[in-house]
Amino acid sequence: MSETRDNVLVYVDAGVGEAAAVPYHGETPEGIIQYLRGIQLAHVADPLQLEDLIAALPTGSAAARAALDMALHDAWGQALGQPLYRLWGLNPARIPPSSFTIPLGPLEHLSERVREADGAILKLKLGGQADGARGDIDSERVSALRALSTAPLRVDVNGGWTRERAERLLPLLAELGVELVEQPLPAGDREGLERLSRLRERPPIFVDESIKSSADVLAHRGLVEGVVIKLAKSGGIRGAREQIHLARALGLEVMLGCMIESSVAVTAAAHLAPLAQYVDLDGPLLIENDPFQGVHYERGRLRLPEGAGLGLSPRP
């Protein structure tokens, strides 16, 4: 579990965006800033022509492109005087409740984490250790949490299981009422996912680290029940919307997620949340120095701000 993350805020006119410097995605603050220094936006005559502006961004850091995309959308919404969700014709009352993440850690810390969740859906991180002498530590964690709470439960393995371990644990998770499992196998192991898909008793499987583009969404049709889409992986709001619509057209369910991000990036994602069946947007709840006020949380329910664009306001 990280103690700190160094993200980058990007401003385009009145708009603001955020780039998540996620190490396992190969993103660093230095690399993000280097990409941003090479960007010129003045060649587009009309600042409201978002498609031209975003499509013209060069390849490179997905996080930096996501931040520019958010800032451009924020400025676009402010110029038109409306929140993004309203410009897209979306109903914020349709946003599913968000989960609250319980990180890897000692079993004795679980009760404290459940109290912090305050009745929200729980998402338990697994995959940190191999089998122990007393049995599998991941099954112990799920069983211990189930004894503490009857709240809906999801688990996230972050690619930490082998195929054999997944085949052994997935039926147990089904017995314990786990709602879904994220990324049980390492990214790219589509043959392993096909093998897991044949298990008779298992929770639905969603893939996260495996999904960075629309081509990735298409490649997982028929292998899993759902995909996890995040702005930082998708290059921003435009890419995420494309992936969401493709996934739903293919019959895949969508979870809209986030990195360790402030209210900037998470509020941007939340404007898309009415399009998703599941939401995991608890990033601002996991940090102590959020620079903005945006999406508001009420026992897992998300309430979008009413201001134009992203609707953000700086914290005093």
Protein backbone atom coordinates (compact mmCIF):
# COMPACT_ATOMS: atom_id res chain seq x y z
CA MET A 1 0.00 0.00 0.00
CA SER A 2 1.40 3.42 -1.00
CA GLU A 3 1.92 6.18 1.52
CA THR A 4 2.15 8.88 -1.16
CA ARG A 5 1.35 9.42 -4.84
CA ASP A 6 2.57 12.34 -6.93
CA ASN A 7 -0.13 13.19 -9.46
CA VAL A 8 -0.05 16.10 -11.90
CA LEU A 9 -2.77 18.76 -12.30
CA VAL A 10 -3.26 20.26 -15.77
CA TYR A 11 -5.03 23.54 -16.56
CA VAL A 12 -6.44 24.51 -19.98
CA ASP A 13 -8.08 27.94 -19.76
CA ALA A 14 -10.72 27.50 -17.00
CA GLY A 15 -10.58 23.71 -17.14
CA VAL A 16 -8.61 21.36 -14.90
CA GLY A 17 -7.57 17.73 -15.26
CA GLU A 18 -5.47 15.23 -13.36
CA ALA A 19 -2.80 12.77 -14.44
CA ALA A 20 -2.28 9.76 -12.15
CA ALA A 21 1.39 8.77 -12.00
CA VAL A 22 0.80 5.05 -11.50
CA PRO A 23 4.15 3.21 -11.33
CA TYR A 24 2.90 -0.16 -12.58
CA HIS A 25 1.55 1.59 -15.69
CA GLY A 26 5.00 3.04 -16.34
CA GLU A 27 3.80 6.56 -15.52
CA THR A 28 5.99 9.03 -13.63
CA PRO A 29 5.43 12.72 -12.85
CA GLU A 30 8.54 13.53 -14.89
CA GLY A 31 7.29 11.59 -17.92
CA ILE A 32 3.85 13.16 -17.68
CA ILE A 33 5.30 16.69 -17.49
CA GLN A 34 7.65 16.00 -20.38
CA TYR A 35 4.70 14.93 -22.54
CA LEU A 36 2.65 17.98 -21.56
CA ARG A 37 5.47 20.39 -22.41
CA GLY A 38 5.33 19.25 -26.03
CA ILE A 39 1.59 19.88 -26.50
CA GLN A 40 0.25 22.78 -28.55
CA LEU A 41 -3.53 23.36 -28.69
CA ALA A 42 -3.68 26.70 -30.46
CA HIS A 43 -3.90 25.13 -33.94
CA VAL A 44 -7.65 24.42 -33.51
CA ALA A 45 -9.66 27.55 -34.28
CA ASP A 46 -12.76 26.64 -32.23
CA PRO A 47 -12.05 25.59 -28.60
CA LEU A 48 -15.42 23.80 -28.49
CA GLN A 49 -14.33 21.32 -31.15
CA LEU A 50 -13.34 18.67 -28.63
CA GLU A 51 -13.12 15.84 -31.15
CA ASP A 52 -10.47 17.65 -33.18
CA LEU A 53 -8.56 18.77 -30.08
CA ILE A 54 -8.44 15.36 -28.42
CA ALA A 55 -7.94 13.33 -31.59
CA ALA A 56 -4.91 15.49 -32.44
CA LEU A 57 -3.09 14.64 -29.18
CA PRO A 58 0.05 12.59 -29.94
CA THR A 59 0.54 9.09 -28.60
CA GLY A 60 2.45 8.80 -25.38
CA SER A 61 1.53 9.00 -21.70
CA ALA A 62 -2.10 7.86 -21.31
CA ALA A 63 -2.25 9.65 -17.94
CA ALA A 64 -1.14 12.96 -19.46
CA ARG A 65 -3.63 12.60 -22.33
CA ALA A 66 -6.35 11.82 -19.78
CA ALA A 67 -5.55 14.98 -17.83
CA LEU A 68 -5.68 17.14 -20.98
CA ASP A 69 -8.93 15.44 -22.00
CA MET A 70 -10.50 16.18 -18.58
CA ALA A 71 -9.35 19.81 -18.64
CA LEU A 72 -10.71 20.30 -22.18
CA HIS A 73 -14.06 18.77 -21.23
CA ASP A 74 -14.21 20.91 -18.10
CA ALA A 75 -13.54 24.08 -20.10
CA TRP A 76 -16.08 22.96 -22.73
CA GLY A 77 -18.80 22.47 -20.12
CA GLN A 78 -18.01 25.80 -18.47
CA ALA A 79 -18.15 27.60 -21.82
CA LEU A 80 -21.60 26.09 -22.42
CA GLY A 81 -22.73 26.73 -18.83
CA GLN A 82 -23.77 23.13 -18.08
CA PRO A 83 -22.44 20.09 -16.13
CA LEU A 84 -20.99 17.41 -18.38
CA TYR A 85 -23.59 14.81 -17.45
CA ARG A 86 -26.35 17.16 -18.59
CA LEU A 87 -24.65 17.87 -21.91
CA TRP A 88 -24.56 14.10 -22.51
CA GLY A 89 -28.21 13.69 -21.50
CA LEU A 90 -27.39 11.47 -18.51
CA ASN A 91 -29.40 11.16 -15.30
CA PRO A 92 -27.21 11.38 -12.16
CA ALA A 93 -29.88 9.51 -10.17
CA ARG A 94 -28.84 6.40 -12.15
CA ILE A 95 -25.29 6.34 -10.73
CA PRO A 96 -24.78 2.97 -8.98
CA PRO A 97 -23.45 3.02 -5.40
CA SER A 98 -19.67 3.00 -5.15
CA SER A 99 -17.60 0.41 -3.35
CA PHE A 100 -15.10 1.20 -0.60
CA THR A 101 -11.64 -0.39 -0.90
CA ILE A 102 -10.13 -2.45 1.91
CA PRO A 103 -6.40 -2.81 1.15
CA LEU A 104 -4.14 -5.75 1.83
CA GLY A 105 -3.15 -5.86 5.47
CA PRO A 106 -3.40 -7.78 8.74
CA LEU A 107 -6.69 -9.52 9.47
CA GLU A 108 -7.00 -7.64 12.75
CA HIS A 109 -7.39 -4.37 10.80
CA LEU A 110 -10.50 -5.54 8.96
CA SER A 111 -13.00 -4.45 11.60
CA GLU A 112 -11.62 -0.90 11.53
CA ARG A 113 -11.86 -0.81 7.74
CA VAL A 114 -15.47 -2.01 7.84
CA ARG A 115 -16.34 0.83 10.24
CA GLU A 116 -14.68 3.35 7.90
CA ALA A 117 -16.78 2.03 5.01
CA ASP A 118 -19.92 3.15 6.87
CA GLY A 119 -22.25 0.67 5.21
CA ALA A 120 -20.90 1.02 1.66
CA ILE A 121 -20.24 -1.88 -0.69
CA LEU A 122 -16.91 -3.46 0.26
CA LYS A 123 -14.08 -4.21 -2.17
CA LEU A 124 -11.45 -6.43 -0.60
CA LYS A 125 -7.94 -6.59 -2.04
CA LEU A 126 -6.53 -10.12 -2.37
CA GLY A 127 -3.55 -11.81 -3.98
CA GLY A 128 -0.84 -10.50 -1.69
CA GLN A 129 0.44 -13.88 -0.50
CA ALA A 130 0.67 -17.46 -1.66
CA ASP A 131 -0.88 -20.34 0.28
CA GLY A 132 0.04 -20.47 3.93
CA ALA A 133 0.52 -23.40 6.28
CA ARG A 134 -2.99 -22.95 7.76
CA GLY A 135 -4.67 -22.72 4.39
CA ASP A 136 -5.02 -19.98 1.83
CA ILE A 137 -4.60 -16.49 3.28
CA ASP A 138 -7.00 -15.01 0.72
CA SER A 139 -9.80 -17.38 1.71
CA GLU A 140 -9.09 -16.46 5.34
CA ARG A 141 -9.43 -12.76 4.54
CA VAL A 142 -12.76 -13.21 2.77
CA SER A 143 -14.15 -15.48 5.50
CA ALA A 144 -13.04 -13.05 8.22
CA LEU A 145 -14.65 -10.10 6.44
CA ARG A 146 -17.85 -12.05 5.88
CA ALA A 147 -18.02 -12.71 9.63
CA LEU A 148 -17.79 -8.95 10.26
CA SER A 149 -20.20 -7.62 7.65
CA THR A 150 -23.14 -8.64 5.50
CA ALA A 151 -22.57 -5.73 3.10
CA PRO A 152 -22.23 -6.57 -0.60
CA LEU A 153 -18.68 -7.80 -1.19
CA ARG A 154 -16.41 -7.64 -4.21
CA VAL A 155 -12.79 -8.77 -4.38
CA ASP A 156 -9.86 -7.48 -6.42
CA VAL A 157 -6.90 -9.80 -6.99
CA ASN A 158 -4.85 -7.43 -9.21
CA GLY A 159 -3.61 -10.37 -11.26
CA GLY A 160 -2.14 -12.10 -8.21
CA TRP A 161 -3.36 -15.68 -8.65
CA THR A 162 -2.15 -18.58 -10.71
CA ARG A 163 -4.68 -20.46 -12.78
CA GLU A 164 -4.65 -23.32 -10.26
CA ARG A 165 -5.18 -21.05 -7.28
CA ALA A 166 -8.03 -19.26 -9.03
CA GLU A 167 -9.72 -22.58 -9.86
CA ARG A 168 -9.50 -23.54 -6.20
CA LEU A 169 -10.67 -20.22 -4.71
CA LEU A 170 -13.39 -19.02 -7.08
CA PRO A 171 -15.95 -21.68 -6.02
CA LEU A 172 -15.29 -20.79 -2.37
CA LEU A 173 -15.88 -17.11 -3.09
CA ALA A 174 -19.16 -18.02 -4.73
CA GLU A 175 -20.20 -19.88 -1.56
CA LEU A 176 -19.34 -16.80 0.52
CA GLY A 177 -21.58 -14.58 -1.62
CA VAL A 178 -18.87 -12.55 -3.35
CA GLU A 179 -20.56 -10.36 -5.95
CA LEU A 180 -17.70 -10.30 -8.47
CA VAL A 181 -13.95 -10.86 -8.81
CA GLU A 182 -11.61 -8.39 -10.49
CA GLN A 183 -8.53 -9.54 -12.42
CA PRO A 184 -7.89 -12.98 -10.89
CA LEU A 185 -5.08 -13.73 -13.39
CA PRO A 186 -2.20 -11.63 -14.73
CA ALA A 187 -3.06 -9.26 -17.56
CA GLY A 188 -2.88 -10.93 -20.94
CA ASP A 189 -3.67 -14.48 -19.80
CA ARG A 190 -6.74 -14.89 -21.99
CA GLU A 191 -6.21 -18.65 -22.21
CA GLY A 192 -6.42 -18.79 -18.41
CA LEU A 193 -9.60 -16.72 -18.41
CA GLU A 194 -11.16 -19.08 -20.93
CA ARG A 195 -10.29 -21.94 -18.57
CA LEU A 196 -11.87 -20.14 -15.60
CA SER A 197 -14.98 -19.33 -17.63
CA ARG A 198 -15.78 -23.05 -17.71
CA LEU A 199 -16.03 -23.34 -13.90
CA ARG A 200 -19.60 -24.18 -12.90
CA GLU A 201 -19.57 -22.32 -9.57
CA ARG A 202 -17.82 -18.96 -9.50
CA PRO A 203 -18.62 -15.25 -9.19
CA PRO A 204 -18.63 -13.12 -12.34
CA ILE A 205 -15.13 -12.16 -13.48
CA PHE A 206 -14.20 -8.60 -14.45
CA VAL A 207 -10.83 -7.61 -15.94
CA ASP A 208 -9.08 -4.35 -15.07
CA GLU A 209 -5.35 -4.35 -15.82
CA SER A 210 -6.13 -6.19 -19.06
CA ILE A 211 -8.21 -3.26 -20.41
CA LYS A 212 -6.52 -0.16 -21.80
CA SER A 213 -8.21 0.27 -25.18
CA SER A 214 -11.31 -0.60 -27.16
CA ALA A 215 -9.31 -3.38 -28.82
CA ASP A 216 -8.76 -4.90 -25.36
CA VAL A 217 -12.49 -4.75 -24.64
CA LEU A 218 -13.23 -6.56 -27.88
CA ALA A 219 -10.56 -9.20 -27.17
CA HIS A 220 -12.29 -10.21 -23.91
CA ARG A 221 -15.75 -10.79 -25.34
CA GLY A 222 -16.92 -14.24 -24.29
CA LEU A 223 -14.11 -14.70 -21.74
CA VAL A 224 -15.41 -12.58 -18.86
CA GLU A 225 -18.62 -11.00 -17.64
CA GLY A 226 -17.33 -7.45 -17.34
CA VAL A 227 -14.56 -4.90 -17.81
CA VAL A 228 -13.17 -2.19 -15.53
CA ILE A 229 -12.75 1.12 -17.32
CA LYS A 230 -10.67 3.97 -15.89
CA LEU A 231 -9.97 7.39 -17.35
CA ALA A 232 -6.23 7.17 -16.61
CA LYS A 233 -5.93 3.96 -18.67
CA SER A 234 -8.27 5.10 -21.45
CA GLY A 235 -6.62 8.42 -22.22
CA GLY A 236 -9.50 10.34 -20.67
CA ILE A 237 -13.25 10.82 -20.91
CA ARG A 238 -13.44 10.41 -24.69
CA GLY A 239 -11.67 7.05 -24.66
CA ALA A 240 -13.62 5.83 -21.63
CA ARG A 241 -16.96 6.67 -23.27
CA GLU A 242 -15.93 4.77 -26.39
CA GLN A 243 -14.96 1.71 -24.34
CA ILE A 244 -18.17 1.84 -22.28
CA HIS A 245 -20.41 1.93 -25.34
CA LEU A 246 -18.44 -0.86 -27.02
CA ALA A 247 -18.54 -3.07 -23.92
CA ARG A 248 -22.28 -2.68 -23.53
CA ALA A 249 -22.85 -3.38 -27.23
CA LEU A 250 -20.87 -6.61 -26.78
CA GLY A 251 -22.98 -7.66 -23.79
CA LEU A 252 -20.22 -6.99 -21.24
CA GLU A 253 -21.00 -5.22 -17.98
CA VAL A 254 -19.02 -2.14 -17.03
CA MET A 255 -17.38 -1.12 -13.79
CA LEU A 256 -16.16 2.47 -13.77
CA GLY A 257 -13.08 2.71 -11.57
CA CYS A 258 -10.30 5.06 -10.57
CA MET A 259 -6.68 5.15 -9.46
CA ILE A 260 -5.50 6.85 -6.28
CA GLU A 261 -6.78 10.21 -7.50
CA SER A 262 -8.26 13.40 -6.13
CA SER A 263 -11.72 14.81 -6.70
CA VAL A 264 -10.56 16.16 -10.07
CA ALA A 265 -10.20 12.85 -11.91
CA VAL A 266 -12.83 11.02 -9.86
CA THR A 267 -15.47 13.70 -10.44
CA ALA A 268 -14.68 13.55 -14.16
CA ALA A 269 -15.30 9.80 -14.08
CA ALA A 270 -18.44 10.22 -12.00
CA HIS A 271 -20.06 12.26 -14.76
CA LEU A 272 -19.92 9.06 -16.86
CA ALA A 273 -21.13 6.82 -14.04
CA PRO A 274 -24.81 6.65 -15.12
CA LEU A 275 -23.56 4.56 -18.08
CA ALA A 276 -22.02 1.87 -15.84
CA GLN A 277 -23.58 -1.03 -13.94
CA TYR A 278 -20.90 -0.89 -11.20
CA VAL A 279 -18.87 1.94 -9.71
CA ASP A 280 -15.61 1.96 -7.76
CA LEU A 281 -14.87 5.66 -7.34
CA ASP A 282 -13.58 5.98 -3.80
CA GLY A 283 -10.24 7.67 -4.60
CA PRO A 284 -10.88 10.94 -2.70
CA LEU A 285 -11.81 8.93 0.41
CA LEU A 286 -8.33 7.36 0.42
CA ILE A 287 -6.28 10.59 0.42
CA GLU A 288 -5.78 13.35 2.97
CA ASN A 289 -4.95 16.43 0.88
CA ASP A 290 -7.60 16.63 -1.83
CA PRO A 291 -7.15 20.05 -3.50
CA PHE A 292 -10.73 20.29 -4.82
CA GLN A 293 -14.31 19.68 -3.81
CA GLY A 294 -16.34 17.74 -6.33
CA VAL A 295 -18.36 14.55 -6.12
CA HIS A 296 -19.93 14.07 -2.68
CA TYR A 297 -20.31 10.74 -0.86
CA GLU A 298 -23.27 9.63 1.24
CA ARG A 299 -22.80 6.03 2.50
CA GLY A 300 -21.50 4.91 -0.89
CA ARG A 301 -23.94 7.00 -2.91
CA LEU A 302 -22.37 9.59 -5.21
CA ARG A 303 -23.86 13.03 -5.65
CA LEU A 304 -22.49 15.11 -8.53
CA PRO A 305 -21.88 18.85 -8.15
CA GLU A 306 -24.24 21.14 -10.03
CA GLY A 307 -21.61 23.52 -11.40
CA ALA A 308 -20.74 23.77 -15.08
CA GLY A 309 -18.16 21.44 -16.59
CA LEU A 310 -16.81 19.12 -13.90
CA GLY A 311 -18.34 21.38 -11.24
CA LEU A 312 -15.19 21.52 -9.11
CA SER A 313 -14.34 24.16 -6.54
CA PRO A 314 -10.95 24.64 -4.83
CA ARG A 315 -10.84 23.67 -1.18
CA PRO A 316 -10.32 26.65 1.11
